[in-house]
Amino acid sequence: MSATVASLKSRLRTHWPVAVGVAYLLSGVYVVRPAEQAVVRLFGKVVDAHVKPGLRYRLPYPLSRLDKVKVRERKRLTIGFQLADQPLGRQPSAGETQFLTGDYNLVNIQAVVQYSIREAAHYLFAAREIEKLVGGAVDSALTEVMAGTPVDDILTVGKVGVQNATRTRAQEILEGYGAGVLIVQVTIQKPYPPMEVLAAFNDVASA
């Protein structure tokens, strides 16, 4: 009996490094789901930026690193206000919301932006704070588009055109940065003139 136990212990001592090695190699197995994009880096360099969905293998960590992102998930940010302000009834400052129109009027604009990830590698490594990059691109695009739009258009029938033009221009800006982001939609909340001229505008509109 003691000889059998001794033999078993001897085998375990002999084979445990092999078992550990096999377990380490198997740790490189991973799954990419259809709604995901995966990026594999080897010694810090991207070696596969478009891993296809399915069961895949890479060299185990720390030789390689794996990043997965959800490309079908829509992310959201706001321009001119914070979502947390609405339940509290807080109003944003004029500097955050006011844009100059093509006929040199000021108008308050608040917008909701929806975007998704198009290129995982670019999204992961183009900028540290991608949300700020997207927000800045949309804000710049909105400033450009508003500068070519009369105030009457944005306050009446031209809002959809401004939204579409802003989305297109913001996408162009982000393409220049190589951000790997797709602007899905820009939705302008109800635009309105500054409070100090709102009554006068309403009188003109009624007339």
Protein backbone atom coordinates (compact mmCIF):
# COMPACT_ATOMS: atom_id res chain seq x y z
CA MET A 1 0.00 0.00 0.00
CA SER A 2 2.76 2.40 0.93
CA ALA A 3 4.57 1.54 -2.30
CA THR A 4 1.42 2.44 -4.31
CA VAL A 5 1.07 5.77 -2.50
CA ALA A 6 4.73 6.53 -3.04
CA SER A 7 4.37 5.70 -6.75
CA LEU A 8 1.32 7.98 -7.03
CA LYS A 9 3.15 10.84 -5.34
CA SER A 10 6.09 10.31 -7.67
CA ARG A 11 3.82 10.51 -10.71
CA LEU A 12 2.18 13.67 -9.42
CA ARG A 13 5.56 15.29 -8.90
CA THR A 14 6.53 14.30 -12.41
CA HIS A 15 3.38 15.37 -14.22
CA TRP A 16 2.13 18.46 -12.36
CA PRO A 17 4.39 20.85 -14.35
CA VAL A 18 2.87 19.44 -17.54
CA ALA A 19 -0.66 19.95 -16.18
CA VAL A 20 0.15 23.53 -15.20
CA GLY A 21 1.63 24.17 -18.63
CA VAL A 22 -1.44 22.79 -20.39
CA ALA A 23 -3.74 24.90 -18.19
CA TYR A 24 -1.67 28.00 -19.00
CA LEU A 25 -1.88 27.36 -22.74
CA LEU A 26 -5.63 26.75 -22.54
CA SER A 27 -6.09 30.14 -20.86
CA GLY A 28 -5.57 31.61 -24.31
CA VAL A 29 -8.89 30.22 -25.54
CA TYR A 30 -11.65 32.85 -25.79
CA VAL A 31 -15.02 33.47 -27.43
CA VAL A 32 -16.07 36.48 -29.50
CA ARG A 33 -19.84 36.96 -29.64
CA PRO A 34 -21.64 38.28 -32.75
CA ALA A 35 -22.28 41.66 -31.09
CA GLU A 36 -18.59 42.12 -30.22
CA GLN A 37 -15.34 43.08 -31.87
CA ALA A 38 -12.08 41.79 -30.41
CA VAL A 39 -8.55 43.13 -30.71
CA VAL A 40 -5.44 41.10 -29.92
CA ARG A 41 -2.15 42.71 -28.96
CA LEU A 42 1.17 40.85 -28.88
CA PHE A 43 3.82 42.51 -26.72
CA GLY A 44 1.74 45.70 -26.87
CA LYS A 45 1.38 45.80 -30.67
CA VAL A 46 -1.95 45.14 -32.38
CA VAL A 47 -1.62 41.92 -34.38
CA ASP A 48 -5.32 41.32 -35.10
CA ALA A 49 -7.69 44.28 -35.16
CA HIS A 50 -10.69 42.39 -36.57
CA VAL A 51 -11.12 39.07 -34.78
CA LYS A 52 -14.17 37.31 -36.20
CA PRO A 53 -16.92 35.97 -33.93
CA GLY A 54 -16.50 32.42 -32.67
CA LEU A 55 -14.12 30.33 -30.58
CA ARG A 56 -10.60 31.75 -30.91
CA TYR A 57 -7.12 31.33 -29.51
CA ARG A 58 -4.32 33.72 -28.65
CA LEU A 59 -1.07 33.38 -26.77
CA PRO A 60 -1.83 33.55 -23.04
CA TYR A 61 -1.37 36.66 -20.92
CA PRO A 62 1.06 38.39 -20.48
CA LEU A 63 2.45 37.52 -23.92
CA SER A 64 -0.70 38.86 -25.53
CA ARG A 65 -3.67 40.91 -24.42
CA LEU A 66 -7.29 40.74 -25.50
CA ASP A 67 -9.76 43.63 -25.67
CA LYS A 68 -13.44 43.13 -26.54
CA VAL A 69 -15.99 45.87 -27.15
CA LYS A 70 -19.74 45.80 -27.84
CA VAL A 71 -20.18 47.27 -31.31
CA ARG A 72 -23.98 47.10 -31.40
CA GLU A 73 -24.45 48.99 -28.17
CA ARG A 74 -25.61 52.58 -28.57
CA LYS A 75 -23.93 55.06 -26.29
CA ARG A 76 -25.44 58.43 -25.48
CA LEU A 77 -24.17 61.86 -24.52
CA THR A 78 -25.67 65.32 -24.31
CA ILE A 79 -24.73 68.73 -25.68
CA GLY A 80 -25.72 71.84 -23.75
CA PHE A 81 -27.05 70.07 -20.66
CA GLN A 82 -26.52 67.11 -18.35
CA LEU A 83 -29.05 64.31 -18.02
CA ALA A 84 -28.68 64.50 -14.25
CA ASP A 85 -29.86 68.13 -14.32
CA GLN A 86 -33.33 67.34 -15.65
CA PRO A 87 -34.79 65.54 -12.60
CA LEU A 88 -33.41 68.28 -10.37
CA GLY A 89 -34.80 71.09 -12.52
CA ARG A 90 -31.39 72.72 -12.92
CA GLN A 91 -30.89 74.95 -15.94
CA PRO A 92 -27.58 74.96 -17.86
CA SER A 93 -25.62 78.17 -18.23
CA ALA A 94 -26.11 80.28 -21.34
CA GLY A 95 -22.55 79.61 -22.45
CA GLU A 96 -23.30 75.90 -22.71
CA THR A 97 -26.44 76.22 -24.81
CA GLN A 98 -26.31 79.37 -26.93
CA PHE A 99 -25.26 79.21 -30.58
CA LEU A 100 -24.96 82.02 -33.14
CA THR A 101 -27.16 81.62 -36.21
CA GLY A 102 -26.44 82.66 -39.79
CA ASP A 103 -28.38 85.92 -39.36
CA TYR A 104 -26.50 86.82 -36.17
CA ASN A 105 -29.12 85.80 -33.64
CA LEU A 106 -28.58 83.71 -30.56
CA VAL A 107 -30.59 80.55 -30.00
CA ASN A 108 -30.51 78.02 -27.19
CA ILE A 109 -29.78 74.49 -28.38
CA GLN A 110 -29.70 71.26 -26.40
CA ALA A 111 -28.99 67.99 -28.18
CA VAL A 112 -28.77 64.27 -27.48
CA VAL A 113 -26.17 62.30 -29.42
CA GLN A 114 -26.25 58.56 -29.99
CA TYR A 115 -23.13 56.80 -31.23
CA SER A 116 -21.70 53.32 -31.51
CA ILE A 117 -18.31 51.71 -32.01
CA ARG A 118 -17.37 50.94 -35.63
CA GLU A 119 -13.67 50.07 -35.40
CA ALA A 120 -12.69 48.56 -32.06
CA ALA A 121 -8.93 49.13 -32.40
CA HIS A 122 -9.36 52.80 -33.27
CA TYR A 123 -11.93 53.27 -30.52
CA LEU A 124 -9.64 51.73 -27.91
CA PHE A 125 -6.45 53.57 -28.80
CA ALA A 126 -7.35 56.80 -30.67
CA ALA A 127 -8.12 58.81 -27.54
CA ARG A 128 -8.17 58.29 -23.80
CA GLU A 129 -11.50 60.03 -23.32
CA ILE A 130 -13.52 59.12 -26.39
CA GLU A 131 -16.76 60.61 -25.02
CA LYS A 132 -15.15 64.05 -24.77
CA LEU A 133 -13.81 63.65 -28.31
CA VAL A 134 -17.29 62.80 -29.65
CA GLY A 135 -18.90 65.62 -27.68
CA GLY A 136 -16.34 68.12 -28.93
CA ALA A 137 -16.84 66.99 -32.54
CA VAL A 138 -20.62 67.35 -32.32
CA ASP A 139 -20.36 70.73 -30.59
CA SER A 140 -17.99 72.01 -33.30
CA ALA A 141 -20.23 70.64 -36.05
CA LEU A 142 -23.31 72.21 -34.50
CA THR A 143 -21.53 75.56 -34.28
CA GLU A 144 -20.62 75.38 -37.99
CA VAL A 145 -24.09 74.34 -39.12
CA MET A 146 -25.86 76.93 -36.99
CA ALA A 147 -23.61 79.66 -38.40
CA GLY A 148 -25.13 78.97 -41.83
CA THR A 149 -28.76 78.63 -40.69
CA PRO A 150 -31.22 81.52 -40.17
CA VAL A 151 -32.86 81.60 -36.76
CA ASP A 152 -36.35 81.23 -38.22
CA ASP A 153 -35.37 77.95 -39.87
CA ILE A 154 -34.01 76.32 -36.73
CA LEU A 155 -37.00 77.46 -34.67
CA THR A 156 -39.54 76.25 -37.23
CA VAL A 157 -39.10 73.81 -40.12
CA GLY A 158 -35.32 73.55 -40.38
CA LYS A 159 -34.51 71.50 -37.29
CA VAL A 160 -34.31 68.14 -39.08
CA GLY A 161 -31.91 69.58 -41.66
CA VAL A 162 -29.69 70.96 -38.92
CA GLN A 163 -29.68 67.59 -37.14
CA ASN A 164 -28.66 65.71 -40.28
CA ALA A 165 -26.02 68.25 -41.29
CA THR A 166 -24.57 68.20 -37.77
CA ARG A 167 -24.37 64.40 -37.74
CA THR A 168 -22.63 64.36 -41.13
CA ARG A 169 -20.12 67.06 -40.19
CA ALA A 170 -19.38 65.53 -36.78
CA GLN A 171 -18.72 62.18 -38.48
CA GLU A 172 -16.25 63.86 -40.83
CA ILE A 173 -14.41 65.39 -37.87
CA LEU A 174 -14.22 62.04 -36.07
CA GLU A 175 -12.98 60.31 -39.24
CA GLY A 176 -10.13 62.80 -39.26
CA TYR A 177 -9.20 61.72 -35.74
CA GLY A 178 -9.51 58.02 -36.62
CA ALA A 179 -11.79 57.57 -33.62
CA GLY A 180 -13.53 54.40 -34.83
CA VAL A 181 -16.93 55.83 -33.84
CA LEU A 182 -20.17 56.07 -35.83
CA ILE A 183 -22.57 58.92 -35.06
CA VAL A 184 -25.96 57.25 -35.28
CA GLN A 185 -28.22 60.17 -34.50
CA VAL A 186 -28.20 63.79 -33.35
CA THR A 187 -31.51 64.89 -31.83
CA ILE A 188 -32.04 68.55 -31.05
CA GLN A 189 -34.39 69.22 -28.16
CA LYS A 190 -36.88 72.04 -28.66
CA PRO A 191 -34.77 75.09 -29.60
CA TYR A 192 -35.76 78.47 -28.21
CA PRO A 193 -34.48 82.06 -28.23
CA PRO A 194 -32.76 83.49 -25.14
CA MET A 195 -35.25 84.37 -22.42
CA GLU A 196 -34.58 88.11 -22.74
CA VAL A 197 -35.88 88.15 -26.36
CA LEU A 198 -38.37 85.27 -26.17
CA ALA A 199 -41.41 87.53 -25.75
CA ALA A 200 -40.41 89.70 -28.72
CA PHE A 201 -39.87 86.64 -30.90
CA ASN A 202 -43.27 85.24 -29.96
CA ASP A 203 -44.88 88.56 -30.92
CA VAL A 204 -43.20 88.48 -34.32
CA ALA A 205 -44.14 84.84 -34.87
CA SER A 206 -47.76 85.54 -33.99
CA ALA A 207 -47.89 88.52 -36.33
